[in-house]
Amino acid sequence: MRCSPRPFTQFMRDDGTVIQPFWRLLYRHVRPGILGAKGHPINEAHVHKLAMEA
């Protein structure tokens, strides 16, 4: 049997604990003619994958 998360959620609200995700904006500035500069899910720069368009 699976229990409901409602009692835990209500406890967190009553206790004053706030869990709020922080969503940052991710920007990628790349000049035209650069290949392989797509955004990565963890915002890493994979410089070994960059190339200039011929």
Protein backbone atom coordinates (compact mmCIF):
# COMPACT_ATOMS: atom_id res chain seq x y z
CA MET A 1 0.00 0.00 0.00
CA ARG A 2 1.32 3.39 -0.94
CA CYS A 3 0.85 6.31 1.43
CA SER A 4 -0.17 9.76 0.31
CA PRO A 5 2.43 12.57 0.32
CA ARG A 6 -0.18 15.00 1.66
CA PRO A 7 0.67 14.61 5.39
CA PHE A 8 4.35 15.22 4.69
CA THR A 9 3.59 18.21 2.46
CA GLN A 10 1.29 19.68 5.10
CA PHE A 11 3.97 19.15 7.77
CA MET A 12 6.54 20.97 5.63
CA ARG A 13 4.13 23.90 5.21
CA ASP A 14 3.20 24.03 8.88
CA ASP A 15 6.80 23.72 10.03
CA GLY A 16 7.82 26.70 7.91
CA THR A 17 10.22 24.74 5.74
CA VAL A 18 10.03 25.90 2.14
CA ILE A 19 11.44 23.88 -0.72
CA GLN A 20 11.54 26.16 -3.71
CA PRO A 21 13.39 25.17 -6.87
CA PHE A 22 15.63 27.77 -8.40
CA TRP A 23 15.32 27.90 -12.17
CA ARG A 24 18.17 29.77 -13.76
CA LEU A 25 18.04 31.08 -17.28
CA LEU A 26 20.57 29.50 -19.59
CA TYR A 27 21.88 31.44 -22.53
CA ARG A 28 24.28 30.33 -25.24
CA HIS A 29 25.85 33.03 -27.37
CA VAL A 30 27.54 31.71 -30.49
CA ARG A 31 28.45 33.57 -33.64
CA PRO A 32 27.27 32.20 -36.99
CA GLY A 33 29.59 29.68 -38.57
CA ILE A 34 30.45 27.76 -35.38
CA LEU A 35 29.42 24.10 -35.38
CA GLY A 36 28.82 21.90 -32.34
CA ALA A 37 27.91 24.70 -29.94
CA LYS A 38 24.51 23.40 -28.91
CA GLY A 39 23.49 23.71 -25.29
CA HIS A 40 24.26 20.84 -22.94
CA PRO A 41 21.75 19.71 -20.27
CA ILE A 42 24.17 20.57 -17.43
CA ASN A 43 25.48 23.70 -19.14
CA GLU A 44 28.92 22.30 -19.86
CA ALA A 45 31.02 23.70 -22.67
CA HIS A 46 32.37 20.85 -24.78
CA VAL A 47 35.13 22.75 -26.54
CA HIS A 48 36.50 19.58 -28.14
CA LYS A 49 33.27 19.41 -30.20
CA LEU A 50 33.50 22.96 -31.60
CA ALA A 51 34.44 23.55 -35.22
CA MET A 52 34.35 26.36 -37.76
CA GLU A 53 32.16 26.01 -40.79
CA ALA A 54 34.05 25.70 -44.06
